């Protein structure tokens, strides 16, 4: 369904360091650096995707957080969710909900939530019934 999702940043170098660390436990590597303007970076699978794109806003204004917006990354295991959450916090993210079961979303819904250094809410979720 999705080709890519884009999040704005006010500090590309900081965002790259954060997402390199946070997405590594989920197996998402940065796509080859082919942006000649050095205004964006992406993780996942190159076009047609899916991938996450982090960019300085095209209009030159400040990047802002969308109220109610969240990007969720699929994890193969609960331990990968744990590792994502720890790596994100270690790379400058803030906790928005520690890893754990959220039975209100499904019997095996295991997720951890963080905000990136720009304030975007992201999570990793595993739907499997075991670690």
N, C-alpha and C. Protein backbone atom coordinates (compact mmCIF):
# COMPACT_ATOMS: atom_id res chain seq x y z
N UNK A 1 0.81 -1.19 0.00
CA UNK A 1 0.00 0.00 0.00
C UNK A 1 0.85 1.26 0.00
N UNK A 2 1.94 1.28 0.76
CA UNK A 2 2.76 2.48 0.85
C UNK A 2 4.04 2.33 0.04
N UNK A 3 4.46 3.43 -0.57
CA UNK A 3 5.76 3.51 -1.20
C UNK A 3 6.77 4.03 -0.19
N UNK A 4 6.41 5.16 0.47
CA UNK A 4 7.27 5.72 1.50
C UNK A 4 6.46 6.61 2.42
N UNK A 5 7.04 6.88 3.57
CA UNK A 5 6.52 7.88 4.50
C UNK A 5 7.63 8.88 4.71
N UNK A 6 7.28 10.15 4.88
CA UNK A 6 8.28 11.19 5.07
C UNK A 6 8.04 11.91 6.39
N UNK A 7 9.13 12.17 7.09
CA UNK A 7 9.10 12.97 8.32
C UNK A 7 10.08 14.12 8.15
N UNK A 8 9.67 15.29 8.57
CA UNK A 8 10.56 16.44 8.51
C UNK A 8 11.53 16.46 9.67
N UNK A 9 12.69 17.05 9.42
CA UNK A 9 13.69 17.23 10.47
C UNK A 9 14.28 18.63 10.37
N UNK A 10 14.73 19.12 11.50
CA UNK A 10 15.44 20.40 11.53
C UNK A 10 16.95 20.21 11.61
N UNK A 11 17.39 18.97 11.76
CA UNK A 11 18.81 18.66 11.89
C UNK A 11 19.04 17.29 11.25
N UNK A 12 19.40 17.28 9.98
CA UNK A 12 19.52 16.03 9.24
C UNK A 12 20.58 15.11 9.84
N UNK A 13 21.73 15.64 10.22
CA UNK A 13 22.78 14.79 10.78
C UNK A 13 22.30 14.09 12.05
N UNK A 14 21.59 14.83 12.90
CA UNK A 14 21.05 14.24 14.14
C UNK A 14 20.02 13.17 13.81
N UNK A 15 19.15 13.44 12.83
CA UNK A 15 18.12 12.48 12.44
C UNK A 15 18.75 11.21 11.86
N UNK A 16 19.78 11.36 11.05
CA UNK A 16 20.45 10.20 10.46
C UNK A 16 21.06 9.34 11.57
N UNK A 17 21.73 9.95 12.52
CA UNK A 17 22.32 9.19 13.63
C UNK A 17 21.24 8.47 14.42
N UNK A 18 20.12 9.15 14.69
CA UNK A 18 19.03 8.54 15.44
C UNK A 18 18.44 7.34 14.69
N UNK A 19 18.05 7.53 13.44
CA UNK A 19 17.40 6.45 12.70
C UNK A 19 18.36 5.32 12.34
N UNK A 20 19.63 5.62 12.10
CA UNK A 20 20.60 4.53 11.92
C UNK A 20 20.59 3.61 13.14
N UNK A 21 20.61 4.20 14.34
CA UNK A 21 20.64 3.41 15.58
C UNK A 21 19.31 2.72 15.84
N UNK A 22 18.21 3.46 15.76
CA UNK A 22 16.90 2.92 16.13
C UNK A 22 16.41 1.84 15.18
N UNK A 23 16.72 1.95 13.89
CA UNK A 23 16.19 1.00 12.92
C UNK A 23 17.09 -0.21 12.70
N UNK A 24 18.34 -0.15 13.14
CA UNK A 24 19.24 -1.29 12.98
C UNK A 24 18.70 -2.56 13.63
N UNK A 25 18.16 -2.52 14.85
CA UNK A 25 17.64 -3.76 15.45
C UNK A 25 16.47 -4.37 14.69
N UNK A 26 15.82 -3.58 13.85
CA UNK A 26 14.70 -4.07 13.05
C UNK A 26 15.15 -4.53 11.67
N UNK A 27 16.44 -4.40 11.37
CA UNK A 27 16.99 -4.83 10.09
C UNK A 27 16.82 -3.84 8.96
N UNK A 28 16.55 -2.57 9.29
CA UNK A 28 16.36 -1.56 8.25
C UNK A 28 17.62 -0.72 8.11
N UNK A 29 18.30 -0.89 7.01
CA UNK A 29 19.52 -0.14 6.74
C UNK A 29 19.19 1.11 5.94
N UNK A 30 20.09 2.07 6.03
CA UNK A 30 19.93 3.29 5.25
C UNK A 30 20.15 2.96 3.77
N UNK A 31 19.31 3.54 2.93
CA UNK A 31 19.45 3.38 1.48
C UNK A 31 20.65 4.19 1.05
N UNK A 32 21.35 3.71 0.04
CA UNK A 32 22.56 4.37 -0.45
C UNK A 32 22.37 5.88 -0.53
N UNK A 33 23.36 6.61 -0.11
CA UNK A 33 23.31 8.06 -0.06
C UNK A 33 23.47 8.62 -1.47
N UNK A 34 22.32 8.89 -2.11
CA UNK A 34 22.38 9.43 -3.47
C UNK A 34 21.69 10.79 -3.58
N UNK A 35 21.56 11.49 -2.44
CA UNK A 35 20.95 12.81 -2.44
C UNK A 35 22.03 13.86 -2.62
N UNK A 36 22.15 14.43 -3.82
CA UNK A 36 23.23 15.39 -4.07
C UNK A 36 23.10 16.66 -3.23
N UNK A 37 21.88 17.01 -2.80
CA UNK A 37 21.67 18.23 -2.02
C UNK A 37 21.90 18.01 -0.53
N UNK A 38 22.05 16.75 -0.11
CA UNK A 38 22.23 16.42 1.30
C UNK A 38 21.13 17.01 2.17
N UNK A 39 19.88 16.83 1.70
CA UNK A 39 18.74 17.35 2.44
C UNK A 39 17.83 16.24 2.94
N UNK A 40 18.17 14.98 2.64
CA UNK A 40 17.30 13.88 3.06
C UNK A 40 18.09 12.58 3.17
N UNK A 41 17.47 11.62 3.83
CA UNK A 41 18.01 10.27 3.94
C UNK A 41 16.83 9.32 4.04
N UNK A 42 17.06 8.05 3.68
CA UNK A 42 15.97 7.07 3.71
C UNK A 42 16.47 5.72 4.21
N UNK A 43 15.55 4.96 4.80
CA UNK A 43 15.84 3.62 5.33
C UNK A 43 14.77 2.68 4.80
N UNK A 44 15.18 1.44 4.49
CA UNK A 44 14.24 0.43 4.01
C UNK A 44 14.65 -0.06 2.65
N UNK A 45 13.69 -0.15 1.75
CA UNK A 45 13.90 -0.64 0.40
C UNK A 45 13.75 0.53 -0.56
N UNK A 46 14.73 0.68 -1.45
CA UNK A 46 14.68 1.80 -2.41
C UNK A 46 13.43 1.71 -3.28
N UNK A 47 13.18 2.75 -4.06
CA UNK A 47 11.97 2.84 -4.87
C UNK A 47 11.70 1.53 -5.61
N UNK A 48 10.51 1.03 -5.54
CA UNK A 48 9.30 1.71 -5.11
C UNK A 48 9.00 1.60 -3.61
N UNK A 49 9.91 1.12 -2.82
CA UNK A 49 9.73 1.09 -1.37
C UNK A 49 9.28 -0.27 -0.89
N UNK A 50 8.88 -0.32 0.33
CA UNK A 50 8.59 0.78 1.24
C UNK A 50 9.84 1.30 1.95
N UNK A 51 9.80 2.57 2.28
CA UNK A 51 10.88 3.15 3.05
C UNK A 51 10.41 4.39 3.81
N UNK A 52 11.22 4.73 4.81
CA UNK A 52 11.02 5.95 5.57
C UNK A 52 12.01 6.97 5.05
N UNK A 53 11.52 8.13 4.77
CA UNK A 53 12.32 9.22 4.25
C UNK A 53 12.30 10.33 5.30
N UNK A 54 13.46 10.82 5.70
CA UNK A 54 13.59 11.94 6.63
C UNK A 54 14.24 13.08 5.87
N UNK A 55 13.62 14.27 5.93
CA UNK A 55 14.05 15.35 5.06
C UNK A 55 13.93 16.71 5.72
N UNK A 56 14.78 17.62 5.29
CA UNK A 56 14.57 19.03 5.61
C UNK A 56 13.36 19.47 4.81
N UNK A 57 12.44 20.26 5.36
CA UNK A 57 11.25 20.66 4.62
C UNK A 57 11.59 21.40 3.33
N UNK A 58 10.88 21.04 2.27
CA UNK A 58 11.11 21.66 0.95
C UNK A 58 10.85 23.16 0.96
N UNK A 59 9.91 23.61 1.79
CA UNK A 59 9.54 25.02 1.77
C UNK A 59 10.51 25.89 2.57
N UNK A 60 11.52 25.28 3.19
CA UNK A 60 12.51 26.03 3.94
C UNK A 60 12.08 26.40 5.34
N UNK A 61 10.83 26.13 5.68
CA UNK A 61 10.34 26.41 7.02
C UNK A 61 10.78 25.35 8.00
N UNK A 62 10.47 25.55 9.27
CA UNK A 62 10.85 24.56 10.27
C UNK A 62 9.99 23.31 10.16
N UNK A 63 10.61 22.16 10.45
CA UNK A 63 9.86 20.91 10.54
C UNK A 63 9.06 20.94 11.83
N UNK A 64 7.82 20.50 11.76
CA UNK A 64 6.96 20.43 12.93
C UNK A 64 6.36 19.05 13.04
N UNK A 65 5.87 18.73 14.24
CA UNK A 65 5.29 17.42 14.52
C UNK A 65 3.81 17.44 14.21
N UNK A 66 3.31 16.38 13.58
CA UNK A 66 1.89 16.25 13.32
C UNK A 66 1.17 15.65 14.51
N UNK A 67 0.17 16.33 15.02
CA UNK A 67 -0.59 15.82 16.15
C UNK A 67 -1.42 14.63 15.70
N UNK A 68 -1.18 13.47 16.32
CA UNK A 68 -1.87 12.26 15.94
C UNK A 68 -1.15 11.43 14.90
N UNK A 69 0.00 11.89 14.43
CA UNK A 69 0.78 11.16 13.43
C UNK A 69 1.76 10.24 14.14
N UNK A 70 1.85 9.00 13.66
CA UNK A 70 2.84 8.05 14.19
C UNK A 70 3.23 7.11 13.07
N UNK A 71 4.51 6.76 13.02
CA UNK A 71 5.01 5.77 12.09
C UNK A 71 5.32 4.52 12.89
N UNK A 72 4.82 3.38 12.43
CA UNK A 72 5.00 2.11 13.12
C UNK A 72 5.84 1.18 12.25
N UNK A 73 6.86 0.59 12.86
CA UNK A 73 7.74 -0.34 12.17
C UNK A 73 7.45 -1.76 12.64
N UNK A 74 7.32 -2.69 11.72
CA UNK A 74 7.05 -4.08 12.03
C UNK A 74 8.33 -4.75 12.52
N UNK A 75 8.24 -5.46 13.64
CA UNK A 75 9.37 -6.19 14.19
C UNK A 75 9.09 -7.69 14.10
N UNK A 76 10.15 -8.47 13.87
CA UNK A 76 10.01 -9.92 13.76
C UNK A 76 9.88 -10.61 15.11
N UNK A 77 10.29 -9.92 16.18
CA UNK A 77 10.27 -10.54 17.50
C UNK A 77 10.08 -9.48 18.57
N UNK A 78 9.67 -9.93 19.73
CA UNK A 78 9.54 -9.02 20.86
C UNK A 78 10.91 -8.51 21.28
N UNK A 79 11.93 -9.35 21.17
CA UNK A 79 13.27 -8.87 21.53
C UNK A 79 13.75 -7.78 20.58
N UNK A 80 13.31 -7.80 19.33
CA UNK A 80 13.65 -6.73 18.39
C UNK A 80 12.96 -5.42 18.80
N UNK A 81 11.72 -5.51 19.31
CA UNK A 81 11.04 -4.33 19.82
C UNK A 81 11.83 -3.75 20.99
N UNK A 82 12.25 -4.63 21.90
CA UNK A 82 13.04 -4.19 23.06
C UNK A 82 14.32 -3.50 22.61
N UNK A 83 15.01 -4.10 21.62
CA UNK A 83 16.27 -3.54 21.14
C UNK A 83 16.04 -2.21 20.42
N UNK A 84 14.97 -2.10 19.64
CA UNK A 84 14.61 -0.85 18.98
C UNK A 84 14.42 0.25 20.02
N UNK A 85 13.63 -0.04 21.04
CA UNK A 85 13.31 0.96 22.06
C UNK A 85 14.59 1.41 22.78
N UNK A 86 15.43 0.47 23.17
CA UNK A 86 16.68 0.81 23.86
C UNK A 86 17.60 1.62 22.95
N UNK A 87 17.73 1.22 21.69
CA UNK A 87 18.60 1.94 20.76
C UNK A 87 18.08 3.34 20.50
N UNK A 88 16.77 3.49 20.37
CA UNK A 88 16.19 4.81 20.13
C UNK A 88 16.44 5.73 21.32
N UNK A 89 16.25 5.23 22.53
CA UNK A 89 16.52 6.06 23.71
C UNK A 89 17.99 6.41 23.80
N UNK A 90 18.86 5.45 23.49
CA UNK A 90 20.29 5.68 23.53
C UNK A 90 20.78 6.67 22.49
N UNK A 91 19.99 6.84 21.42
CA UNK A 91 20.37 7.75 20.33
C UNK A 91 19.67 9.10 20.44
N UNK A 92 19.07 9.39 21.59
CA UNK A 92 18.49 10.71 21.79
C UNK A 92 16.98 10.78 21.74
N UNK A 93 16.31 9.65 21.58
CA UNK A 93 14.86 9.64 21.60
C UNK A 93 14.33 9.73 23.02
N UNK A 94 13.03 9.97 23.15
CA UNK A 94 12.39 10.01 24.46
C UNK A 94 11.29 8.95 24.52
N UNK A 95 11.11 8.41 25.70
CA UNK A 95 10.16 7.32 25.91
C UNK A 95 8.72 7.82 25.80
N UNK A 96 7.92 7.10 25.03
CA UNK A 96 6.48 7.37 24.93
C UNK A 96 5.68 6.15 25.34
N UNK A 97 6.35 5.13 25.85
CA UNK A 97 5.68 3.90 26.28
C UNK A 97 6.63 2.74 26.14
N UNK A 98 7.04 2.13 27.25
CA UNK A 98 8.03 1.06 27.20
C UNK A 98 7.51 -0.17 26.46
N UNK A 99 8.40 -1.02 25.99
CA UNK A 99 7.97 -2.25 25.33
C UNK A 99 7.08 -3.08 26.25
N UNK A 100 6.05 -3.63 25.67
CA UNK A 100 5.15 -4.50 26.42
C UNK A 100 3.92 -4.83 25.62
N UNK A 101 3.14 -5.75 26.16
CA UNK A 101 1.89 -6.14 25.53
C UNK A 101 0.87 -5.02 25.67
N UNK A 102 0.10 -4.81 24.63
CA UNK A 102 -1.02 -3.87 24.63
C UNK A 102 -2.24 -4.66 24.18
N UNK A 103 -2.84 -5.45 25.11
CA UNK A 103 -3.94 -6.35 24.71
C UNK A 103 -5.16 -5.63 24.15
N UNK A 104 -5.29 -4.34 24.41
CA UNK A 104 -6.41 -3.60 23.83
C UNK A 104 -6.31 -3.52 22.31
N UNK A 105 -5.11 -3.80 21.75
CA UNK A 105 -4.92 -3.77 20.30
C UNK A 105 -4.84 -5.17 19.71
N UNK A 106 -4.86 -6.20 20.53
CA UNK A 106 -4.77 -7.58 20.07
C UNK A 106 -4.03 -8.42 21.09
N UNK A 107 -4.33 -9.68 21.14
CA UNK A 107 -3.79 -10.57 22.17
C UNK A 107 -2.27 -10.64 22.17
N UNK A 108 -1.65 -10.46 21.02
CA UNK A 108 -0.19 -10.60 20.92
C UNK A 108 0.50 -9.31 20.51
N UNK A 109 -0.20 -8.18 20.57
CA UNK A 109 0.35 -6.88 20.16
C UNK A 109 1.37 -6.42 21.19
N UNK A 110 2.65 -6.46 20.80
CA UNK A 110 3.78 -6.11 21.68
C UNK A 110 4.51 -4.94 21.03
N UNK A 111 4.53 -3.79 21.69
CA UNK A 111 5.09 -2.59 21.06
C UNK A 111 5.85 -1.74 22.07
N UNK A 112 6.76 -0.93 21.55
CA UNK A 112 7.47 0.09 22.31
C UNK A 112 7.42 1.39 21.53
N UNK A 113 7.20 2.49 22.24
CA UNK A 113 6.97 3.79 21.61
C UNK A 113 8.03 4.80 22.03
N UNK A 114 8.48 5.62 21.08
CA UNK A 114 9.45 6.69 21.36
C UNK A 114 9.10 7.91 20.51
N UNK A 115 9.71 9.02 20.88
CA UNK A 115 9.71 10.20 20.01
C UNK A 115 11.14 10.40 19.54
N UNK A 116 11.29 10.71 18.26
CA UNK A 116 12.62 10.98 17.73
C UNK A 116 13.06 12.36 18.20
N UNK A 117 14.32 12.75 17.93
CA UNK A 117 14.79 14.06 18.42
C UNK A 117 14.02 15.27 17.89
N UNK A 118 13.27 15.10 16.79
CA UNK A 118 12.43 16.19 16.29
C UNK A 118 11.03 16.15 16.88
N UNK A 119 10.72 15.12 17.67
CA UNK A 119 9.43 15.02 18.32
C UNK A 119 8.42 14.11 17.64
N UNK A 120 8.80 13.46 16.52
CA UNK A 120 7.88 12.55 15.83
C UNK A 120 7.71 11.28 16.64
N UNK A 121 6.48 10.82 16.76
CA UNK A 121 6.21 9.57 17.49
C UNK A 121 6.37 8.39 16.54
N UNK A 122 7.16 7.42 16.98
CA UNK A 122 7.38 6.19 16.21
C UNK A 122 7.27 5.01 17.17
N UNK A 123 7.05 3.84 16.60
CA UNK A 123 7.06 2.65 17.43
C UNK A 123 7.53 1.45 16.61
N UNK A 124 7.82 0.39 17.34
CA UNK A 124 8.05 -0.92 16.73
C UNK A 124 7.03 -1.85 17.35
N UNK A 125 6.46 -2.73 16.52
CA UNK A 125 5.42 -3.66 17.01
C UNK A 125 5.66 -5.05 16.46
N UNK A 126 5.44 -6.03 17.35
CA UNK A 126 5.50 -7.44 16.97
C UNK A 126 4.13 -8.04 17.26
N UNK A 127 3.60 -8.79 16.29
CA UNK A 127 2.28 -9.40 16.43
C UNK A 127 2.37 -10.88 16.78
N UNK A 128 3.57 -11.40 16.96
CA UNK A 128 3.76 -12.82 17.24
C UNK A 128 3.46 -13.12 18.71
N UNK A 129 3.13 -14.37 18.96
CA UNK A 129 2.75 -14.75 20.32
C UNK A 129 3.92 -15.23 21.18
N UNK A 130 5.14 -14.99 20.72
CA UNK A 130 6.33 -15.39 21.48
C UNK A 130 7.47 -14.43 21.19
N UNK A 131 8.50 -14.54 21.99
CA UNK A 131 9.66 -13.64 21.85
C UNK A 131 10.36 -13.89 20.55
